[in-house]
Amino acid sequence: FERTILEGWAMGALSLQRAVRRLGITGE
């Protein structure tokens, strides 16, 4: 799940804001 969300962010399907919210982590 984590890798899928991060790949989605990298491809532009998700913003960083949504990715960190879904994963419960910081941007860093």
PDB file of all heavy atoms in Angstrom:
ATOM      1  N   PHE A   1       0.822  -1.212   0.000  1.00  0.00           N
ATOM      2  CA  PHE A   1       0.000   0.000   0.000  1.00  0.00           C
ATOM      3  C   PHE A   1       0.856   1.262   0.000  1.00  0.00           C
ATOM      4  O   PHE A   1       0.648   2.170  -0.803  1.00  0.00           O
ATOM      5  CB  PHE A   1      -0.940  -0.006   1.209  1.00  0.00           C
ATOM      6  CG  PHE A   1      -1.751   1.248   1.363  1.00  0.00           C
ATOM      7  CD1 PHE A   1      -2.783   1.533   0.485  1.00  0.00           C
ATOM      8  CD2 PHE A   1      -1.491   2.149   2.391  1.00  0.00           C
ATOM      9  CE1 PHE A   1      -3.546   2.680   0.623  1.00  0.00           C
ATOM     10  CE2 PHE A   1      -2.241   3.297   2.538  1.00  0.00           C
ATOM     11  CZ  PHE A   1      -3.276   3.569   1.650  1.00  0.00           C
ATOM     12  N   GLU A   2       1.845   1.311   0.888  1.00  0.00           N
ATOM     13  CA  GLU A   2       2.683   2.508   0.991  1.00  0.00           C
ATOM     14  C   GLU A   2       3.393   2.790  -0.332  1.00  0.00           C
ATOM     15  O   GLU A   2       3.381   3.917  -0.831  1.00  0.00           O
ATOM     16  CB  GLU A   2       3.694   2.347   2.124  1.00  0.00           C
ATOM     17  CG  GLU A   2       4.559   3.589   2.311  1.00  0.00           C
ATOM     18  CD  GLU A   2       5.487   3.447   3.506  1.00  0.00           C
ATOM     19  OE1 GLU A   2       6.541   2.786   3.363  1.00  0.00           O
ATOM     20  OE2 GLU A   2       5.139   3.985   4.564  1.00  0.00           O
ATOM     21  N   ARG A   3       3.988   1.770  -0.900  1.00  0.00           N
ATOM     22  CA  ARG A   3       4.694   1.946  -2.181  1.00  0.00           C
ATOM     23  C   ARG A   3       3.723   2.389  -3.279  1.00  0.00           C
ATOM     24  O   ARG A   3       4.047   3.243  -4.095  1.00  0.00           O
ATOM     25  CB  ARG A   3       5.397   0.656  -2.588  1.00  0.00           C
ATOM     26  CG  ARG A   3       6.181   0.811  -3.869  1.00  0.00           C
ATOM     27  CD  ARG A   3       6.775  -0.514  -4.340  1.00  0.00           C
ATOM     28  NE  ARG A   3       7.560  -0.299  -5.521  1.00  0.00           N
ATOM     29  CZ  ARG A   3       8.872  -0.245  -5.567  1.00  0.00           C
ATOM     30  NH1 ARG A   3       9.575  -0.424  -4.464  1.00  0.00           N
ATOM     31  NH2 ARG A   3       9.499  -0.026  -6.697  1.00  0.00           N
ATOM     32  N   THR A   4       2.533   1.796  -3.307  1.00  0.00           N
ATOM     33  CA  THR A   4       1.539   2.157  -4.317  1.00  0.00           C
ATOM     34  C   THR A   4       1.152   3.627  -4.197  1.00  0.00           C
ATOM     35  O   THR A   4       1.061   4.337  -5.210  1.00  0.00           O
ATOM     36  CB  THR A   4       0.285   1.264  -4.177  1.00  0.00           C
ATOM     37  OG1 THR A   4       0.681  -0.096  -4.320  1.00  0.00           O
ATOM     38  CG2 THR A   4      -0.763   1.609  -5.210  1.00  0.00           C
ATOM     39  N   ILE A   5       0.944   4.102  -2.983  1.00  0.00           N
ATOM     40  CA  ILE A   5       0.585   5.509  -2.772  1.00  0.00           C
ATOM     41  C   ILE A   5       1.735   6.409  -3.212  1.00  0.00           C
ATOM     42  O   ILE A   5       1.521   7.419  -3.900  1.00  0.00           O
ATOM     43  CB  ILE A   5       0.215   5.762  -1.294  1.00  0.00           C
ATOM     44  CG1 ILE A   5      -1.059   4.992  -0.927  1.00  0.00           C
ATOM     45  CG2 ILE A   5       0.057   7.252  -1.018  1.00  0.00           C
ATOM     46  CD1 ILE A   5      -2.287   5.374  -1.706  1.00  0.00           C
ATOM     47  N   LEU A   6       2.952   6.063  -2.842  1.00  0.00           N
ATOM     48  CA  LEU A   6       4.100   6.883  -3.225  1.00  0.00           C
ATOM     49  C   LEU A   6       4.322   6.883  -4.737  1.00  0.00           C
ATOM     50  O   LEU A   6       4.679   7.913  -5.318  1.00  0.00           O
ATOM     51  CB  LEU A   6       5.353   6.415  -2.484  1.00  0.00           C
ATOM     52  CG  LEU A   6       5.310   6.635  -0.966  1.00  0.00           C
ATOM     53  CD1 LEU A   6       6.494   5.959  -0.297  1.00  0.00           C
ATOM     54  CD2 LEU A   6       5.254   8.116  -0.622  1.00  0.00           C
ATOM     55  N   GLU A   7       4.087   5.753  -5.384  1.00  0.00           N
ATOM     56  CA  GLU A   7       4.191   5.713  -6.845  1.00  0.00           C
ATOM     57  C   GLU A   7       3.085   6.553  -7.484  1.00  0.00           C
ATOM     58  O   GLU A   7       3.307   7.218  -8.495  1.00  0.00           O
ATOM     59  CB  GLU A   7       4.127   4.269  -7.352  1.00  0.00           C
ATOM     60  CG  GLU A   7       5.400   3.502  -7.080  1.00  0.00           C
ATOM     61  CD  GLU A   7       5.318   2.036  -7.481  1.00  0.00           C
ATOM     62  OE1 GLU A   7       4.200   1.517  -7.713  1.00  0.00           O
ATOM     63  OE2 GLU A   7       6.390   1.409  -7.554  1.00  0.00           O
ATOM     64  N   GLY A   8       1.902   6.528  -6.880  1.00  0.00           N
ATOM     65  CA  GLY A   8       0.809   7.366  -7.375  1.00  0.00           C
ATOM     66  C   GLY A   8       1.149   8.840  -7.282  1.00  0.00           C
ATOM     67  O   GLY A   8       0.852   9.626  -8.189  1.00  0.00           O
ATOM     68  N   TRP A   9       1.808   9.224  -6.195  1.00  0.00           N
ATOM     69  CA  TRP A   9       2.255  10.617  -6.048  1.00  0.00           C
ATOM     70  C   TRP A   9       3.308  10.943  -7.102  1.00  0.00           C
ATOM     71  O   TRP A   9       3.248  11.982  -7.767  1.00  0.00           O
ATOM     72  CB  TRP A   9       2.790  10.849  -4.638  1.00  0.00           C
ATOM     73  CG  TRP A   9       3.555  12.118  -4.475  1.00  0.00           C
ATOM     74  CD1 TRP A   9       3.114  13.384  -4.767  1.00  0.00           C
ATOM     75  CD2 TRP A   9       4.886  12.270  -4.002  1.00  0.00           C
ATOM     76  NE1 TRP A   9       4.094  14.299  -4.489  1.00  0.00           N
ATOM     77  CE2 TRP A   9       5.195  13.643  -4.017  1.00  0.00           C
ATOM     78  CE3 TRP A   9       5.853  11.383  -3.552  1.00  0.00           C
ATOM     79  CZ2 TRP A   9       6.420  14.146  -3.606  1.00  0.00           C
ATOM     80  CZ3 TRP A   9       7.069  11.881  -3.137  1.00  0.00           C
ATOM     81  CH2 TRP A   9       7.344  13.243  -3.168  1.00  0.00           C
ATOM     82  N   ALA A  10       4.255  10.026  -7.295  1.00  0.00           N
ATOM     83  CA  ALA A  10       5.335  10.260  -8.258  1.00  0.00           C
ATOM     84  C   ALA A  10       4.802  10.407  -9.676  1.00  0.00           C
ATOM     85  O   ALA A  10       5.352  11.174 -10.475  1.00  0.00           O
ATOM     86  CB  ALA A  10       6.350   9.119  -8.196  1.00  0.00           C
ATOM     87  N   MET A  11       3.716   9.699 -10.008  1.00  0.00           N
ATOM     88  CA  MET A  11       3.144   9.768 -11.348  1.00  0.00           C
ATOM     89  C   MET A  11       2.185  10.944 -11.519  1.00  0.00           C
ATOM     90  O   MET A  11       1.706  11.197 -12.610  1.00  0.00           O
ATOM     91  CB  MET A  11       2.399   8.471 -11.674  1.00  0.00           C
ATOM     92  CG  MET A  11       3.321   7.293 -11.845  1.00  0.00           C
ATOM     93  SD  MET A  11       2.458   5.808 -12.403  1.00  0.00           S
ATOM     94  CE  MET A  11       1.364   5.484 -11.040  1.00  0.00           C
ATOM     95  N   GLY A  12       1.873  11.629 -10.420  1.00  0.00           N
ATOM     96  CA  GLY A  12       0.971  12.772 -10.507  1.00  0.00           C
ATOM     97  C   GLY A  12      -0.486  12.439 -10.272  1.00  0.00           C
ATOM     98  O   GLY A  12      -1.352  13.291 -10.435  1.00  0.00           O
ATOM     99  N   ALA A  13      -0.779  11.206  -9.870  1.00  0.00           N
ATOM    100  CA  ALA A  13      -2.163  10.822  -9.605  1.00  0.00           C
ATOM    101  C   ALA A  13      -2.643  11.335  -8.246  1.00  0.00           C
ATOM    102  O   ALA A  13      -3.844  11.493  -8.036  1.00  0.00           O
ATOM    103  CB  ALA A  13      -2.310   9.304  -9.663  1.00  0.00           C
ATOM    104  N   LEU A  14      -1.720  11.594  -7.343  1.00  0.00           N
ATOM    105  CA  LEU A  14      -2.029  12.114  -6.011  1.00  0.00           C
ATOM    106  C   LEU A  14      -1.125  13.294  -5.715  1.00  0.00           C
ATOM    107  O   LEU A  14       0.015  13.336  -6.177  1.00  0.00           O
ATOM    108  CB  LEU A  14      -1.758  11.057  -4.931  1.00  0.00           C
ATOM    109  CG  LEU A  14      -2.593   9.810  -4.900  1.00  0.00           C
ATOM    110  CD1 LEU A  14      -2.003   8.830  -3.908  1.00  0.00           C
ATOM    111  CD2 LEU A  14      -4.012  10.144  -4.519  1.00  0.00           C
ATOM    112  N   SER A  15      -1.619  14.207  -4.923  1.00  0.00           N
ATOM    113  CA  SER A  15      -0.754  15.275  -4.433  1.00  0.00           C
ATOM    114  C   SER A  15       0.015  14.746  -3.224  1.00  0.00           C
ATOM    115  O   SER A  15      -0.359  13.740  -2.623  1.00  0.00           O
ATOM    116  CB  SER A  15      -1.597  16.488  -4.021  1.00  0.00           C
ATOM    117  OG  SER A  15      -2.401  16.166  -2.894  1.00  0.00           O
ATOM    118  N   LEU A  16       1.074  15.431  -2.866  1.00  0.00           N
ATOM    119  CA  LEU A  16       1.825  15.050  -1.666  1.00  0.00           C
ATOM    120  C   LEU A  16       0.931  15.160  -0.442  1.00  0.00           C
ATOM    121  O   LEU A  16       0.991  14.329   0.462  1.00  0.00           O
ATOM    122  CB  LEU A  16       3.077  15.921  -1.514  1.00  0.00           C
ATOM    123  CG  LEU A  16       3.937  15.630  -0.295  1.00  0.00           C
ATOM    124  CD1 LEU A  16       4.437  14.190  -0.297  1.00  0.00           C
ATOM    125  CD2 LEU A  16       5.112  16.602  -0.234  1.00  0.00           C
ATOM    126  N   GLN A  17       0.080  16.166  -0.426  1.00  0.00           N
ATOM    127  CA  GLN A  17      -0.833  16.360   0.698  1.00  0.00           C
ATOM    128  C   GLN A  17      -1.712  15.129   0.905  1.00  0.00           C
ATOM    129  O   GLN A  17      -1.854  14.629   2.021  1.00  0.00           O
ATOM    130  CB  GLN A  17      -1.714  17.589   0.462  1.00  0.00           C
ATOM    131  CG  GLN A  17      -2.722  17.840   1.560  1.00  0.00           C
ATOM    132  CD  GLN A  17      -3.695  18.946   1.212  1.00  0.00           C
ATOM    133  OE1 GLN A  17      -3.953  19.212   0.048  1.00  0.00           O
ATOM    134  NE2 GLN A  17      -4.232  19.594   2.219  1.00  0.00           N
ATOM    135  N   ARG A  18      -2.279  14.609  -0.176  1.00  0.00           N
ATOM    136  CA  ARG A  18      -3.141  13.440  -0.060  1.00  0.00           C
ATOM    137  C   ARG A  18      -2.337  12.191   0.269  1.00  0.00           C
ATOM    138  O   ARG A  18      -2.786  11.333   1.020  1.00  0.00           O
ATOM    139  CB  ARG A  18      -3.933  13.247  -1.336  1.00  0.00           C
ATOM    140  CG  ARG A  18      -5.035  14.277  -1.453  1.00  0.00           C
ATOM    141  CD  ARG A  18      -5.919  14.038  -2.632  1.00  0.00           C
ATOM    142  NE  ARG A  18      -7.051  14.949  -2.550  1.00  0.00           N
ATOM    143  CZ  ARG A  18      -7.715  15.372  -3.586  1.00  0.00           C
ATOM    144  NH1 ARG A  18      -7.374  14.978  -4.798  1.00  0.00           N
ATOM    145  NH2 ARG A  18      -8.729  16.189  -3.434  1.00  0.00           N
ATOM    146  N   ALA A  19      -1.151  12.072  -0.295  1.00  0.00           N
ATOM    147  CA  ALA A  19      -0.319  10.899  -0.024  1.00  0.00           C
ATOM    148  C   ALA A  19       0.051  10.826   1.455  1.00  0.00           C
ATOM    149  O   ALA A  19      -0.072   9.763   2.073  1.00  0.00           O
ATOM    150  CB  ALA A  19       0.936  10.930  -0.895  1.00  0.00           C
ATOM    151  N   VAL A  20       0.500  11.944   2.037  1.00  0.00           N
ATOM    152  CA  VAL A  20       0.899  11.906   3.447  1.00  0.00           C
ATOM    153  C   VAL A  20      -0.308  11.708   4.351  1.00  0.00           C
ATOM    154  O   VAL A  20      -0.208  11.058   5.389  1.00  0.00           O
ATOM    155  CB  VAL A  20       1.715  13.156   3.861  1.00  0.00           C
ATOM    156  CG1 VAL A  20       2.994  13.253   3.058  1.00  0.00           C
ATOM    157  CG2 VAL A  20       0.915  14.428   3.767  1.00  0.00           C
ATOM    158  N   ARG A  21      -1.453  12.228   3.946  1.00  0.00           N
ATOM    159  CA  ARG A  21      -2.659  12.022   4.748  1.00  0.00           C
ATOM    160  C   ARG A  21      -3.051  10.548   4.737  1.00  0.00           C
ATOM    161  O   ARG A  21      -3.394   9.987   5.777  1.00  0.00           O
ATOM    162  CB  ARG A  21      -3.807  12.874   4.218  1.00  0.00           C
ATOM    163  CG  ARG A  21      -5.030  12.805   5.127  1.00  0.00           C
ATOM    164  CD  ARG A  21      -6.155  13.707   4.695  1.00  0.00           C
ATOM    165  NE  ARG A  21      -5.715  15.078   4.613  1.00  0.00           N
ATOM    166  CZ  ARG A  21      -5.958  15.869   3.567  1.00  0.00           C
ATOM    167  NH1 ARG A  21      -6.624  15.416   2.538  1.00  0.00           N
ATOM    168  NH2 ARG A  21      -5.547  17.114   3.558  1.00  0.00           N
ATOM    169  N   ARG A  22      -2.981   9.913   3.575  1.00  0.00           N
ATOM    170  CA  ARG A  22      -3.337   8.498   3.489  1.00  0.00           C
ATOM    171  C   ARG A  22      -2.364   7.614   4.250  1.00  0.00           C
ATOM    172  O   ARG A  22      -2.742   6.597   4.813  1.00  0.00           O
ATOM    173  CB  ARG A  22      -3.391   8.054   2.031  1.00  0.00           C
ATOM    174  CG  ARG A  22      -4.593   8.599   1.305  1.00  0.00           C
ATOM    175  CD  ARG A  22      -4.633   8.142  -0.108  1.00  0.00           C
ATOM    176  NE  ARG A  22      -5.779   8.718  -0.774  1.00  0.00           N
ATOM    177  CZ  ARG A  22      -6.128   8.457  -2.006  1.00  0.00           C
ATOM    178  NH1 ARG A  22      -5.405   7.607  -2.727  1.00  0.00           N
ATOM    179  NH2 ARG A  22      -7.178   9.020  -2.537  1.00  0.00           N
ATOM    180  N   LEU A  23      -1.082   7.994   4.243  1.00  0.00           N
ATOM    181  CA  LEU A  23      -0.066   7.173   4.896  1.00  0.00           C
ATOM    182  C   LEU A  23       0.146   7.544   6.357  1.00  0.00           C
ATOM    183  O   LEU A  23       0.765   6.785   7.098  1.00  0.00           O
ATOM    184  CB  LEU A  23       1.259   7.288   4.136  1.00  0.00           C
ATOM    185  CG  LEU A  23       1.235   6.747   2.710  1.00  0.00           C
ATOM    186  CD1 LEU A  23       2.560   7.050   2.003  1.00  0.00           C
ATOM    187  CD2 LEU A  23       0.932   5.261   2.695  1.00  0.00           C
ATOM    188  N   GLY A  24      -0.329   8.708   6.764  1.00  0.00           N
ATOM    189  CA  GLY A  24      -0.141   9.138   8.149  1.00  0.00           C
ATOM    190  C   GLY A  24       1.306   9.466   8.464  1.00  0.00           C
ATOM    191  O   GLY A  24       1.785   9.167   9.561  1.00  0.00           O
ATOM    192  N   ILE A  25       2.026  10.055   7.508  1.00  0.00           N
ATOM    193  CA  ILE A  25       3.439  10.410   7.679  1.00  0.00           C
ATOM    194  C   ILE A  25       3.631  11.874   7.284  1.00  0.00           C
ATOM    195  O   ILE A  25       2.727  12.507   6.765  1.00  0.00           O
ATOM    196  CB  ILE A  25       4.361   9.494   6.832  1.00  0.00           C
ATOM    197  CG1 ILE A  25       4.028   9.595   5.342  1.00  0.00           C
ATOM    198  CG2 ILE A  25       4.256   8.052   7.306  1.00  0.00           C
ATOM    199  CD1 ILE A  25       4.937   8.782   4.430  1.00  0.00           C
ATOM    200  N   THR A  26       4.835  12.375   7.514  1.00  0.00           N
ATOM    201  CA  THR A  26       5.147  13.744   7.114  1.00  0.00           C
ATOM    202  C   THR A  26       5.623  13.764   5.662  1.00  0.00           C
ATOM    203  O   THR A  26       5.942  12.722   5.082  1.00  0.00           O
ATOM    204  CB  THR A  26       6.262  14.336   7.998  1.00  0.00           C
ATOM    205  OG1 THR A  26       7.475  13.606   7.749  1.00  0.00           O
ATOM    206  CG2 THR A  26       5.901  14.282   9.472  1.00  0.00           C
ATOM    207  N   GLY A  27       5.702  14.954   5.099  1.00  0.00           N
ATOM    208  CA  GLY A  27       6.211  15.097   3.743  1.00  0.00           C
ATOM    209  C   GLY A  27       7.647  14.638   3.619  1.00  0.00           C
ATOM    210  O   GLY A  27       8.030  13.995   2.632  1.00  0.00           O
ATOM    211  N   GLU A  28       8.455  14.958   4.619  1.00  0.00           N
ATOM    212  CA  GLU A  28       9.855  14.530   4.603  1.00  0.00           C
ATOM    213  C   GLU A  28       9.958  13.007   4.619  1.00  0.00           C
ATOM    214  O   GLU A  28      10.776  12.416   3.922  1.00  0.00           O
ATOM    215  CB  GLU A  28      10.626  15.119   5.793  1.00  0.00           C
ATOM    216  CG  GLU A  28      10.845  16.616   5.720  1.00  0.00           C
ATOM    217  CD  GLU A  28       9.679  17.427   6.270  1.00  0.00           C
ATOM    218  OE1 GLU A  28       8.662  16.830   6.719  1.00  0.00           O
ATOM    219  OE2 GLU A  28       9.757  18.662   6.216  1.00  0.00           O
TER     220      GLU A  28
END
